[in-house]
């Protein structure tokens, strides 16, 4: 049989050159080498950027602050007129994207804002915050809005947070010129961690000694907490941390041979979300800490008509006293 095939070249009448295909292994090696060179270039560029990083607090680089830092958004806190005293506004930097690693503590919670306004009212009525006999410690400071408001009203406070949330907290204190003014300080504190308690005790006792807490019976320590009981797993370790602070102060008073007992009060605000969860918290308080006494104060939000309860633990060191 004779078969005849007819084949036509492309229109340019030029046959294509045959291309030799590279083996798969060689192609993979070549592609991997390209990826490595690209990543190494990126790393070297990142190192150069970090070496020439700007100081966000210098006057020259204030304009570059927004573009060169990880802060994603800001929140402005404006003070009301308090007996003719004018306080400088506070700018709170938030990290809603989570780049700072602060998790839920990287945003301004509504309760913190409302709690700060509540303290403003107390300040206008009785000079509560600026009273020289009042010292403050905040548990779960987050962005630091509550501590900064207290500091701006001439109060003395230590803001505490977990280690991974300290970067944003310190950034906000420095950005508002509150970190080095002698009124506001911050320190890492892990609830329920007895190893961390020992480190924190040194900071706590030095803070109290610096402000003559142990020398005068009139001195009072306030522990402020904003919206920290939303999860049931936090209840036990939060209460344990509060009790440890009270025990540390009581031990120091005993070591110094001081007979009087300074008062420790707790102001805790939270938004009512889950009645069962909140009921369990107070069951835990009544069962494990029966000597504590407390009362509830309702704070109303005029905008969204939601309610926050502010609880006060009365006389944590001298529990025999009445409210």
C-alpha atoms as a PDB file:
ATOM      1  CA  UNK A   1       0.000   0.000   0.000  1.00  0.00           C
ATOM      2  CA  UNK A   2       1.201   3.399  -0.845  1.00  0.00           C
ATOM      3  CA  UNK A   3       0.168   6.216   1.441  1.00  0.00           C
ATOM      4  CA  UNK A   4       0.710   9.789   0.515  1.00  0.00           C
ATOM      5  CA  UNK A   5       0.878  12.526   3.191  1.00  0.00           C
ATOM      6  CA  UNK A   6       0.602  16.180   2.460  1.00  0.00           C
ATOM      7  CA  UNK A   7       2.105  18.555   5.062  1.00  0.00           C
ATOM      8  CA  UNK A   8       1.987  22.348   4.922  1.00  0.00           C
ATOM      9  CA  UNK A   9       4.486  24.660   6.705  1.00  0.00           C
ATOM     10  CA  UNK A  10       3.334  27.790   8.486  1.00  0.00           C
ATOM     11  CA  UNK A  11       2.605  30.893   6.497  1.00  0.00           C
ATOM     12  CA  UNK A  12       6.097  32.329   6.849  1.00  0.00           C
ATOM     13  CA  UNK A  13       7.360  29.196   5.064  1.00  0.00           C
ATOM     14  CA  UNK A  14      10.083  28.744   7.675  1.00  0.00           C
ATOM     15  CA  UNK A  15      10.276  25.549   9.698  1.00  0.00           C
ATOM     16  CA  UNK A  16      10.398  25.961  13.507  1.00  0.00           C
ATOM     17  CA  UNK A  17      13.512  24.926  15.293  1.00  0.00           C
ATOM     18  CA  UNK A  18      13.202  22.007  17.577  1.00  0.00           C
ATOM     19  CA  UNK A  19      13.550  22.982  21.268  1.00  0.00           C
ATOM     20  CA  UNK A  20      15.153  20.594  23.647  1.00  0.00           C
ATOM     21  CA  UNK A  21      13.124  20.062  26.792  1.00  0.00           C
ATOM     22  CA  UNK A  22      14.991  20.273  30.090  1.00  0.00           C
ATOM     23  CA  UNK A  23      14.609  17.360  32.514  1.00  0.00           C
ATOM     24  CA  UNK A  24      12.195  17.924  35.435  1.00  0.00           C
ATOM     25  CA  UNK A  25      14.902  17.816  38.125  1.00  0.00           C
ATOM     26  CA  UNK A  26      16.962  20.504  36.429  1.00  0.00           C
ATOM     27  CA  UNK A  27      13.865  22.705  36.004  1.00  0.00           C
ATOM     28  CA  UNK A  28      12.985  22.359  39.703  1.00  0.00           C
ATOM     29  CA  UNK A  29      16.542  23.256  40.767  1.00  0.00           C
ATOM     30  CA  UNK A  30      16.499  26.320  38.568  1.00  0.00           C
ATOM     31  CA  UNK A  31      13.123  27.526  39.892  1.00  0.00           C
ATOM     32  CA  UNK A  32      14.201  26.933  43.513  1.00  0.00           C
ATOM     33  CA  UNK A  33      17.361  28.968  42.903  1.00  0.00           C
ATOM     34  CA  UNK A  34      15.246  31.865  41.619  1.00  0.00           C
ATOM     35  CA  UNK A  35      12.963  31.732  44.678  1.00  0.00           C
ATOM     36  CA  UNK A  36      15.984  31.752  47.023  1.00  0.00           C
ATOM     37  CA  UNK A  37      17.497  34.770  45.335  1.00  0.00           C
ATOM     38  CA  UNK A  38      14.171  36.626  45.560  1.00  0.00           C
ATOM     39  CA  UNK A  39      13.700  35.842  49.279  1.00  0.00           C
ATOM     40  CA  UNK A  40      17.311  36.724  50.064  1.00  0.00           C
ATOM     41  CA  UNK A  41      16.838  40.066  48.303  1.00  0.00           C
ATOM     42  CA  UNK A  42      13.716  40.726  50.379  1.00  0.00           C
ATOM     43  CA  UNK A  43      15.525  39.843  53.629  1.00  0.00           C
ATOM     44  CA  UNK A  44      18.447  42.117  52.804  1.00  0.00           C
ATOM     45  CA  UNK A  45      16.057  44.967  51.997  1.00  0.00           C
ATOM     46  CA  UNK A  46      14.191  44.388  55.275  1.00  0.00           C
ATOM     47  CA  UNK A  47      17.483  44.458  57.207  1.00  0.00           C
ATOM     48  CA  UNK A  48      18.489  47.713  55.554  1.00  0.00           C
ATOM     49  CA  UNK A  49      15.114  49.214  56.453  1.00  0.00           C
ATOM     50  CA  UNK A  50      15.402  48.087  60.069  1.00  0.00           C
ATOM     51  CA  UNK A  51      18.934  49.497  60.308  1.00  0.00           C
ATOM     52  CA  UNK A  52      17.715  52.873  59.087  1.00  0.00           C
ATOM     53  CA  UNK A  53      14.456  52.757  61.078  1.00  0.00           C
ATOM     54  CA  UNK A  54      13.071  56.111  62.159  1.00  0.00           C
ATOM     55  CA  UNK A  55      12.389  57.221  65.698  1.00  0.00           C
ATOM     56  CA  UNK A  56       8.576  57.678  65.780  1.00  0.00           C
ATOM     57  CA  UNK A  57       8.754  60.137  68.672  1.00  0.00           C
ATOM     58  CA  UNK A  58      11.265  62.613  67.185  1.00  0.00           C
ATOM     59  CA  UNK A  59       9.910  65.900  65.797  1.00  0.00           C
ATOM     60  CA  UNK A  60      11.450  65.331  62.382  1.00  0.00           C
ATOM     61  CA  UNK A  61       9.652  62.060  61.805  1.00  0.00           C
ATOM     62  CA  UNK A  62       6.161  62.832  63.073  1.00  0.00           C
ATOM     63  CA  UNK A  63       4.922  63.037  59.497  1.00  0.00           C
ATOM     64  CA  UNK A  64       6.331  59.586  58.724  1.00  0.00           C
ATOM     65  CA  UNK A  65       4.719  57.996  61.769  1.00  0.00           C
ATOM     66  CA  UNK A  66       1.573  56.814  60.008  1.00  0.00           C
ATOM     67  CA  UNK A  67       3.363  55.204  57.080  1.00  0.00           C
ATOM     68  CA  UNK A  68       6.340  53.662  58.899  1.00  0.00           C
ATOM     69  CA  UNK A  69       4.699  52.072  61.964  1.00  0.00           C
ATOM     70  CA  UNK A  70       2.348  49.151  62.332  1.00  0.00           C
ATOM     71  CA  UNK A  71      -0.450  51.221  63.884  1.00  0.00           C
ATOM     72  CA  UNK A  72      -3.564  50.864  61.767  1.00  0.00           C
ATOM     73  CA  UNK A  73      -6.035  53.355  63.276  1.00  0.00           C
ATOM     74  CA  UNK A  74      -6.389  55.973  65.997  1.00  0.00           C
ATOM     75  CA  UNK A  75      -9.070  56.886  68.511  1.00  0.00           C
ATOM     76  CA  UNK A  76      -9.331  60.351  70.057  1.00  0.00           C
ATOM     77  CA  UNK A  77     -10.350  60.811  73.686  1.00  0.00           C
ATOM     78  CA  UNK A  78     -11.594  64.307  74.603  1.00  0.00           C
ATOM     79  CA  UNK A  79     -12.040  65.424  78.208  1.00  0.00           C
ATOM     80  CA  UNK A  80     -15.085  67.267  79.479  1.00  0.00           C
ATOM     81  CA  UNK A  81     -14.693  70.515  81.429  1.00  0.00           C
ATOM     82  CA  UNK A  82     -13.884  69.481  84.994  1.00  0.00           C
ATOM     83  CA  UNK A  83     -14.232  72.443  87.370  1.00  0.00           C
ATOM     84  CA  UNK A  84     -12.504  74.715  84.891  1.00  0.00           C
ATOM     85  CA  UNK A  85      -9.509  72.370  84.556  1.00  0.00           C
ATOM     86  CA  UNK A  86      -8.554  71.624  80.970  1.00  0.00           C
ATOM     87  CA  UNK A  87      -6.765  68.379  80.171  1.00  0.00           C
ATOM     88  CA  UNK A  88      -4.973  67.648  76.935  1.00  0.00           C
ATOM     89  CA  UNK A  89      -6.720  65.169  74.638  1.00  0.00           C
ATOM     90  CA  UNK A  90      -5.392  61.632  74.322  1.00  0.00           C
ATOM     91  CA  UNK A  91      -4.696  59.838  71.045  1.00  0.00           C
ATOM     92  CA  UNK A  92      -5.040  56.075  71.335  1.00  0.00           C
ATOM     93  CA  UNK A  93      -3.408  54.016  68.603  1.00  0.00           C
ATOM     94  CA  UNK A  94      -5.238  50.783  67.807  1.00  0.00           C
ATOM     95  CA  UNK A  95      -4.065  47.654  66.025  1.00  0.00           C
ATOM     96  CA  UNK A  96      -7.186  46.019  64.640  1.00  0.00           C
ATOM     97  CA  UNK A  97      -5.158  44.059  62.088  1.00  0.00           C
ATOM     98  CA  UNK A  98      -3.224  42.241  64.831  1.00  0.00           C
ATOM     99  CA  UNK A  99       0.258  43.096  63.531  1.00  0.00           C
ATOM    100  CA  UNK A 100       1.445  44.056  67.012  1.00  0.00           C
ATOM    101  CA  UNK A 101       0.361  40.694  68.401  1.00  0.00           C
ATOM    102  CA  UNK A 102      -1.831  42.197  71.108  1.00  0.00           C
ATOM    103  CA  UNK A 103      -4.930  40.206  70.140  1.00  0.00           C
ATOM    104  CA  UNK A 104      -8.204  41.582  71.554  1.00  0.00           C
ATOM    105  CA  UNK A 105      -6.325  44.051  73.741  1.00  0.00           C
ATOM    106  CA  UNK A 106      -5.254  46.018  70.664  1.00  0.00           C
ATOM    107  CA  UNK A 107      -8.571  47.851  70.259  1.00  0.00           C
ATOM    108  CA  UNK A 108     -10.416  50.372  72.396  1.00  0.00           C
ATOM    109  CA  UNK A 109     -13.335  48.619  74.006  1.00  0.00           C
ATOM    110  CA  UNK A 110     -16.494  50.599  74.573  1.00  0.00           C
ATOM    111  CA  UNK A 111     -16.526  49.790  78.294  1.00  0.00           C
ATOM    112  CA  UNK A 112     -13.048  51.284  78.774  1.00  0.00           C
ATOM    113  CA  UNK A 113     -14.221  54.549  77.239  1.00  0.00           C
ATOM    114  CA  UNK A 114     -17.357  54.650  79.400  1.00  0.00           C
ATOM    115  CA  UNK A 115     -15.394  53.727  82.519  1.00  0.00           C
ATOM    116  CA  UNK A 116     -12.981  56.590  81.838  1.00  0.00           C
ATOM    117  CA  UNK A 117     -15.928  59.004  81.582  1.00  0.00           C
ATOM    118  CA  UNK A 118     -17.230  57.639  84.892  1.00  0.00           C
ATOM    119  CA  UNK A 119     -13.868  58.435  86.530  1.00  0.00           C
ATOM    120  CA  UNK A 120     -14.065  61.916  85.015  1.00  0.00           C
ATOM    121  CA  UNK A 121     -17.360  62.471  86.827  1.00  0.00           C
ATOM    122  CA  UNK A 122     -15.824  61.286  90.105  1.00  0.00           C
ATOM    123  CA  UNK A 123     -12.927  63.672  89.552  1.00  0.00           C
ATOM    124  CA  UNK A 124     -15.262  66.622  88.985  1.00  0.00           C
ATOM    125  CA  UNK A 125     -17.315  65.787  92.083  1.00  0.00           C
ATOM    126  CA  UNK A 126     -14.619  65.008  94.649  1.00  0.00           C
ATOM    127  CA  UNK A 127     -11.170  65.259  93.003  1.00  0.00           C
ATOM    128  CA  UNK A 128     -11.125  61.469  93.161  1.00  0.00           C
ATOM    129  CA  UNK A 129      -8.305  60.684  90.738  1.00  0.00           C
ATOM    130  CA  UNK A 130      -5.916  63.487  91.655  1.00  0.00           C
ATOM    131  CA  UNK A 131      -6.238  62.863  95.403  1.00  0.00           C
ATOM    132  CA  UNK A 132      -2.664  62.471  96.666  1.00  0.00           C
ATOM    133  CA  UNK A 133      -3.768  59.575  98.904  1.00  0.00           C
ATOM    134  CA  UNK A 134      -5.076  57.528  95.966  1.00  0.00           C
ATOM    135  CA  UNK A 135      -2.900  55.153  93.926  1.00  0.00           C
ATOM    136  CA  UNK A 136      -4.063  52.993  91.016  1.00  0.00           C
ATOM    137  CA  UNK A 137      -3.213  49.672  89.365  1.00  0.00           C
ATOM    138  CA  UNK A 138      -4.947  48.556  86.182  1.00  0.00           C
ATOM    139  CA  UNK A 139      -5.328  44.890  85.269  1.00  0.00           C
ATOM    140  CA  UNK A 140      -5.739  44.116  81.569  1.00  0.00           C
ATOM    141  CA  UNK A 141      -4.853  47.613  80.342  1.00  0.00           C
ATOM    142  CA  UNK A 142      -5.032  46.801  76.606  1.00  0.00           C
ATOM    143  CA  UNK A 143      -4.350  49.995  74.643  1.00  0.00           C
ATOM    144  CA  UNK A 144      -3.962  51.904  77.931  1.00  0.00           C
ATOM    145  CA  UNK A 145      -6.899  54.306  77.518  1.00  0.00           C
ATOM    146  CA  UNK A 146      -8.058  54.020  81.134  1.00  0.00           C
ATOM    147  CA  UNK A 147      -4.577  54.387  82.599  1.00  0.00           C
ATOM    148  CA  UNK A 148      -3.793  57.351  80.346  1.00  0.00           C
ATOM    149  CA  UNK A 149      -6.985  59.147  81.387  1.00  0.00           C
ATOM    150  CA  UNK A 150      -6.063  58.618  85.053  1.00  0.00           C
ATOM    151  CA  UNK A 151      -2.536  59.834  84.377  1.00  0.00           C
ATOM    152  CA  UNK A 152      -3.756  62.905  82.495  1.00  0.00           C
ATOM    153  CA  UNK A 153      -5.934  63.820  85.509  1.00  0.00           C
ATOM    154  CA  UNK A 154      -2.782  63.745  87.686  1.00  0.00           C
ATOM    155  CA  UNK A 155      -3.367  60.260  89.083  1.00  0.00           C
ATOM    156  CA  UNK A 156      -0.552  57.778  89.727  1.00  0.00           C
ATOM    157  CA  UNK A 157      -0.997  54.353  88.126  1.00  0.00           C
ATOM    158  CA  UNK A 158       0.731  51.172  86.961  1.00  0.00           C
ATOM    159  CA  UNK A 159      -0.843  49.676  83.826  1.00  0.00           C
ATOM    160  CA  UNK A 160      -0.380  45.908  83.513  1.00  0.00           C
ATOM    161  CA  UNK A 161      -0.822  43.606  80.540  1.00  0.00           C
ATOM    162  CA  UNK A 162       0.464  40.311  79.173  1.00  0.00           C
ATOM    163  CA  UNK A 163       3.933  40.394  77.640  1.00  0.00           C
ATOM    164  CA  UNK A 164       2.733  40.109  74.039  1.00  0.00           C
ATOM    165  CA  UNK A 165       0.507  43.187  74.465  1.00  0.00           C
ATOM    166  CA  UNK A 166       3.144  45.431  76.034  1.00  0.00           C
ATOM    167  CA  UNK A 167       4.493  46.873  72.756  1.00  0.00           C
ATOM    168  CA  UNK A 168       1.299  48.731  71.839  1.00  0.00           C
ATOM    169  CA  UNK A 169       0.709  49.811  75.452  1.00  0.00           C
ATOM    170  CA  UNK A 170       4.197  51.327  75.726  1.00  0.00           C
ATOM    171  CA  UNK A 171       3.814  52.948  72.306  1.00  0.00           C
ATOM    172  CA  UNK A 172       0.614  54.735  73.392  1.00  0.00           C
ATOM    173  CA  UNK A 173       2.130  55.946  76.664  1.00  0.00           C
ATOM    174  CA  UNK A 174       5.160  57.371  74.862  1.00  0.00           C
ATOM    175  CA  UNK A 175       3.102  58.900  72.067  1.00  0.00           C
ATOM    176  CA  UNK A 176       1.050  60.840  74.654  1.00  0.00           C
ATOM    177  CA  UNK A 177       4.113  61.858  76.707  1.00  0.00           C
ATOM    178  CA  UNK A 178       2.853  59.941  79.751  1.00  0.00           C
ATOM    179  CA  UNK A 179       5.486  57.244  80.052  1.00  0.00           C
ATOM    180  CA  UNK A 180       8.222  59.308  81.673  1.00  0.00           C
ATOM    181  CA  UNK A 181       6.240  61.893  83.641  1.00  0.00           C
ATOM    182  CA  UNK A 182       6.331  59.940  86.912  1.00  0.00           C
ATOM    183  CA  UNK A 183       2.586  59.309  86.996  1.00  0.00           C
ATOM    184  CA  UNK A 184       2.048  56.431  84.578  1.00  0.00           C
ATOM    185  CA  UNK A 185       4.120  53.270  84.321  1.00  0.00           C
ATOM    186  CA  UNK A 186       3.517  49.836  82.809  1.00  0.00           C
ATOM    187  CA  UNK A 187       4.673  46.333  83.599  1.00  0.00           C
ATOM    188  CA  UNK A 188       3.851  42.817  82.340  1.00  0.00           C
ATOM    189  CA  UNK A 189       1.593  40.744  84.587  1.00  0.00           C
ATOM    190  CA  UNK A 190       0.308  37.262  83.746  1.00  0.00           C
ATOM    191  CA  UNK A 191      -2.772  36.321  85.725  1.00  0.00           C
ATOM    192  CA  UNK A 192      -2.438  33.074  87.636  1.00  0.00           C
ATOM    193  CA  UNK A 193       1.324  32.816  87.026  1.00  0.00           C
ATOM    194  CA  UNK A 194       3.016  32.590  90.439  1.00  0.00           C
ATOM    195  CA  UNK A 195       6.459  32.814  88.815  1.00  0.00           C
ATOM    196  CA  UNK A 196       5.466  36.160  87.300  1.00  0.00           C
ATOM    197  CA  UNK A 197       3.932  37.304  90.591  1.00  0.00           C
ATOM    198  CA  UNK A 198       7.390  37.371  92.206  1.00  0.00           C
ATOM    199  CA  UNK A 199       8.718  39.712  89.520  1.00  0.00           C
ATOM    200  CA  UNK A 200       5.647  41.925  89.680  1.00  0.00           C
ATOM    201  CA  UNK A 201       5.779  42.166  93.489  1.00  0.00           C
ATOM    202  CA  UNK A 202       9.088  44.041  93.271  1.00  0.00           C
ATOM    203  CA  UNK A 203       7.561  46.584  90.888  1.00  0.00           C
ATOM    204  CA  UNK A 204       4.395  46.885  92.983  1.00  0.00           C
ATOM    205  CA  UNK A 205       6.151  47.390  96.313  1.00  0.00           C
ATOM    206  CA  UNK A 206       8.626  49.906  94.883  1.00  0.00           C
ATOM    207  CA  UNK A 207       5.716  51.855  93.356  1.00  0.00           C
ATOM    208  CA  UNK A 208       3.858  51.915  96.681  1.00  0.00           C
ATOM    209  CA  UNK A 209       6.986  52.804  98.652  1.00  0.00           C
ATOM    210  CA  UNK A 210       7.852  55.621  96.263  1.00  0.00           C
ATOM    211  CA  UNK A 211       4.493  57.255  97.007  1.00  0.00           C
ATOM    212  CA  UNK A 212       4.648  56.622 100.784  1.00  0.00           C
ATOM    213  CA  UNK A 213       1.771  54.133 100.729  1.00  0.00           C
ATOM    214  CA  UNK A 214       2.963  52.224 103.806  1.00  0.00           C
ATOM    215  CA  UNK A 215       3.727  55.302 105.915  1.00  0.00           C
ATOM    216  CA  UNK A 216       0.242  56.764 105.985  1.00  0.00           C
ATOM    217  CA  UNK A 217      -2.981  55.019 106.902  1.00  0.00           C
ATOM    218  CA  UNK A 218      -4.955  57.378 104.660  1.00  0.00           C
ATOM    219  CA  UNK A 219      -3.267  56.018 101.529  1.00  0.00           C
ATOM    220  CA  UNK A 220      -5.601  53.846  99.454  1.00  0.00           C
ATOM    221  CA  UNK A 221      -4.919  51.558  96.482  1.00  0.00           C
ATOM    222  CA  UNK A 222      -7.518  51.210  93.727  1.00  0.00           C
ATOM    223  CA  UNK A 223      -7.408  48.270  91.331  1.00  0.00           C
ATOM    224  CA  UNK A 224      -9.264  49.220  88.137  1.00  0.00           C
ATOM    225  CA  UNK A 225     -10.488  46.580  85.675  1.00  0.00           C
ATOM    226  CA  UNK A 226     -12.430  47.158  82.449  1.00  0.00           C
ATOM    227  CA  UNK A 227     -14.349  44.347  80.723  1.00  0.00           C
ATOM    228  CA  UNK A 228     -12.214  41.375  81.765  1.00  0.00           C
ATOM    229  CA  UNK A 229     -14.806  38.718  82.696  1.00  0.00           C
ATOM    230  CA  UNK A 230     -16.265  38.046  79.247  1.00  0.00           C
ATOM    231  CA  UNK A 231     -14.746  34.532  79.281  1.00  0.00           C
ATOM    232  CA  UNK A 232     -15.359  32.016  82.047  1.00  0.00           C
ATOM    233  CA  UNK A 233     -11.757  30.773  81.948  1.00  0.00           C
ATOM    234  CA  UNK A 234     -10.576  34.213  83.106  1.00  0.00           C
ATOM    235  CA  UNK A 235     -12.625  34.307  86.305  1.00  0.00           C
ATOM    236  CA  UNK A 236     -10.448  32.162  88.585  1.00  0.00           C
ATOM    237  CA  UNK A 237      -7.084  33.576  87.494  1.00  0.00           C
ATOM    238  CA  UNK A 238      -8.331  37.177  87.691  1.00  0.00           C
ATOM    239  CA  UNK A 239      -9.575  36.669  91.251  1.00  0.00           C
ATOM    240  CA  UNK A 240      -6.338  34.891  92.138  1.00  0.00           C
ATOM    241  CA  UNK A 241      -4.333  37.879  90.861  1.00  0.00           C
ATOM    242  CA  UNK A 242      -6.425  40.339  92.872  1.00  0.00           C
ATOM    243  CA  UNK A 243      -6.017  38.257  96.015  1.00  0.00           C
ATOM    244  CA  UNK A 244      -2.266  37.987  95.474  1.00  0.00           C
ATOM    245  CA  UNK A 245      -1.904  41.792  95.252  1.00  0.00           C
ATOM    246  CA  UNK A 246      -3.793  42.146  98.543  1.00  0.00           C
ATOM    247  CA  UNK A 247      -1.680  39.410 100.170  1.00  0.00           C
ATOM    248  CA  UNK A 248       1.569  40.999  98.961  1.00  0.00           C
ATOM    249  CA  UNK A 249       0.603  44.333 100.540  1.00  0.00           C
ATOM    250  CA  UNK A 250      -0.503  42.678 103.777  1.00  0.00           C
ATOM    251  CA  UNK A 251       2.781  40.750 103.999  1.00  0.00           C
ATOM    252  CA  UNK A 252       4.804  43.919 103.442  1.00  0.00           C
ATOM    253  CA  UNK A 253       2.893  45.698 106.193  1.00  0.00           C
ATOM    254  CA  UNK A 254       3.614  42.785 108.559  1.00  0.00           C
ATOM    255  CA  UNK A 255       7.336  42.731 107.663  1.00  0.00           C
ATOM    256  CA  UNK A 256       7.617  46.466 108.307  1.00  0.00           C
ATOM    257  CA  UNK A 257       5.856  46.060 111.653  1.00  0.00           C
ATOM    258  CA  UNK A 258       3.063  48.413 110.645  1.00  0.00           C
ATOM    259  CA  UNK A 259      -0.136  47.846 112.595  1.00  0.00           C
ATOM    260  CA  UNK A 260      -2.548  49.865 110.483  1.00  0.00           C
ATOM    261  CA  UNK A 261      -4.123  48.282 107.397  1.00  0.00           C
ATOM    262  CA  UNK A 262      -4.368  50.356 104.240  1.00  0.00           C
ATOM    263  CA  UNK A 263      -7.500  49.968 102.166  1.00  0.00           C
ATOM    264  CA  UNK A 264      -7.592  48.265  98.793  1.00  0.00           C
ATOM    265  CA  UNK A 265     -10.670  48.812  96.659  1.00  0.00           C
ATOM    266  CA  UNK A 266     -11.561  47.460  93.249  1.00  0.00           C
ATOM    267  CA  UNK A 267     -13.492  49.317  90.585  1.00  0.00           C
ATOM    268  CA  UNK A 268     -14.505  46.850  87.900  1.00  0.00           C
ATOM    269  CA  UNK A 269     -16.703  47.688  84.933  1.00  0.00           C
ATOM    270  CA  UNK A 270     -18.076  45.281  82.365  1.00  0.00           C
ATOM    271  CA  UNK A 271     -20.772  45.196  79.726  1.00  0.00           C
ATOM    272  CA  UNK A 272     -23.651  42.845  80.423  1.00  0.00           C
ATOM    273  CA  UNK A 273     -23.539  40.290  77.624  1.00  0.00           C
ATOM    274  CA  UNK A 274     -24.073  36.823  79.082  1.00  0.00           C
ATOM    275  CA  UNK A 275     -26.078  36.683  82.301  1.00  0.00           C
ATOM    276  CA  UNK A 276     -25.098  33.093  83.066  1.00  0.00           C
ATOM    277  CA  UNK A 277     -21.392  33.829  82.635  1.00  0.00           C
ATOM    278  CA  UNK A 278     -21.581  36.897  84.872  1.00  0.00           C
ATOM    279  CA  UNK A 279     -23.648  35.017  87.452  1.00  0.00           C
ATOM    280  CA  UNK A 280     -20.957  32.331  87.598  1.00  0.00           C
ATOM    281  CA  UNK A 281     -18.313  34.990  88.263  1.00  0.00           C
ATOM    282  CA  UNK A 282     -20.152  36.310  91.297  1.00  0.00           C
ATOM    283  CA  UNK A 283     -20.839  32.774  92.494  1.00  0.00           C
ATOM    284  CA  UNK A 284     -17.087  32.228  92.440  1.00  0.00           C
ATOM    285  CA  UNK A 285     -16.562  35.454  94.382  1.00  0.00           C
ATOM    286  CA  UNK A 286     -19.107  34.493  97.044  1.00  0.00           C
ATOM    287  CA  UNK A 287     -17.785  30.937  97.365  1.00  0.00           C
ATOM    288  CA  UNK A 288     -14.026  31.528  97.406  1.00  0.00           C
ATOM    289  CA  UNK A 289     -13.816  35.100  98.692  1.00  0.00           C
ATOM    290  CA  UNK A 290     -16.682  35.361 101.142  1.00  0.00           C
ATOM    291  CA  UNK A 291     -15.064  38.213 103.108  1.00  0.00           C
ATOM    292  CA  UNK A 292     -15.195  40.517 100.083  1.00  0.00           C
ATOM    293  CA  UNK A 293     -18.060  42.975  99.936  1.00  0.00           C
ATOM    294  CA  UNK A 294     -19.202  44.810  96.819  1.00  0.00           C
ATOM    295  CA  UNK A 295     -21.919  46.998  95.433  1.00  0.00           C
ATOM    296  CA  UNK A 296     -23.142  47.618  91.907  1.00  0.00           C
ATOM    297  CA  UNK A 297     -23.343  50.933  90.084  1.00  0.00           C
ATOM    298  CA  UNK A 298     -25.087  51.215  86.729  1.00  0.00           C
ATOM    299  CA  UNK A 299     -23.509  53.377  84.047  1.00  0.00           C
ATOM    300  CA  UNK A 300     -25.797  54.174  81.144  1.00  0.00           C
ATOM    301  CA  UNK A 301     -24.588  54.738  77.616  1.00  0.00           C
ATOM    302  CA  UNK A 302     -26.728  57.513  76.164  1.00  0.00           C
ATOM    303  CA  UNK A 303     -25.970  56.582  72.566  1.00  0.00           C
ATOM    304  CA  UNK A 304     -26.714  52.885  72.289  1.00  0.00           C
ATOM    305  CA  UNK A 305     -28.714  52.547  75.516  1.00  0.00           C
ATOM    306  CA  UNK A 306     -26.640  49.688  76.867  1.00  0.00           C
ATOM    307  CA  UNK A 307     -25.611  49.285  80.461  1.00  0.00           C
ATOM    308  CA  UNK A 308     -22.358  48.680  82.268  1.00  0.00           C
ATOM    309  CA  UNK A 309     -22.086  47.659  85.883  1.00  0.00           C
ATOM    310  CA  UNK A 310     -19.240  48.971  87.992  1.00  0.00           C
ATOM    311  CA  UNK A 311     -18.421  46.845  91.004  1.00  0.00           C
ATOM    312  CA  UNK A 312     -16.386  47.875  93.989  1.00  0.00           C
ATOM    313  CA  UNK A 313     -14.553  45.537  96.318  1.00  0.00           C
ATOM    314  CA  UNK A 314     -14.549  47.237  99.700  1.00  0.00           C
ATOM    315  CA  UNK A 315     -11.619  46.982 102.106  1.00  0.00           C
ATOM    316  CA  UNK A 316      -9.781  44.003 100.678  1.00  0.00           C
ATOM    317  CA  UNK A 317      -7.214  44.017 103.508  1.00  0.00           C
ATOM    318  CA  UNK A 318      -9.480  44.801 106.441  1.00  0.00           C
ATOM    319  CA  UNK A 319     -12.531  42.711 105.602  1.00  0.00           C
ATOM    320  CA  UNK A 320     -14.142  43.175 109.009  1.00  0.00           C
ATOM    321  CA  UNK A 321     -14.977  46.783 108.223  1.00  0.00           C
ATOM    322  CA  UNK A 322     -18.390  47.658 106.887  1.00  0.00           C
ATOM    323  CA  UNK A 323     -19.095  49.282 103.519  1.00  0.00           C
END
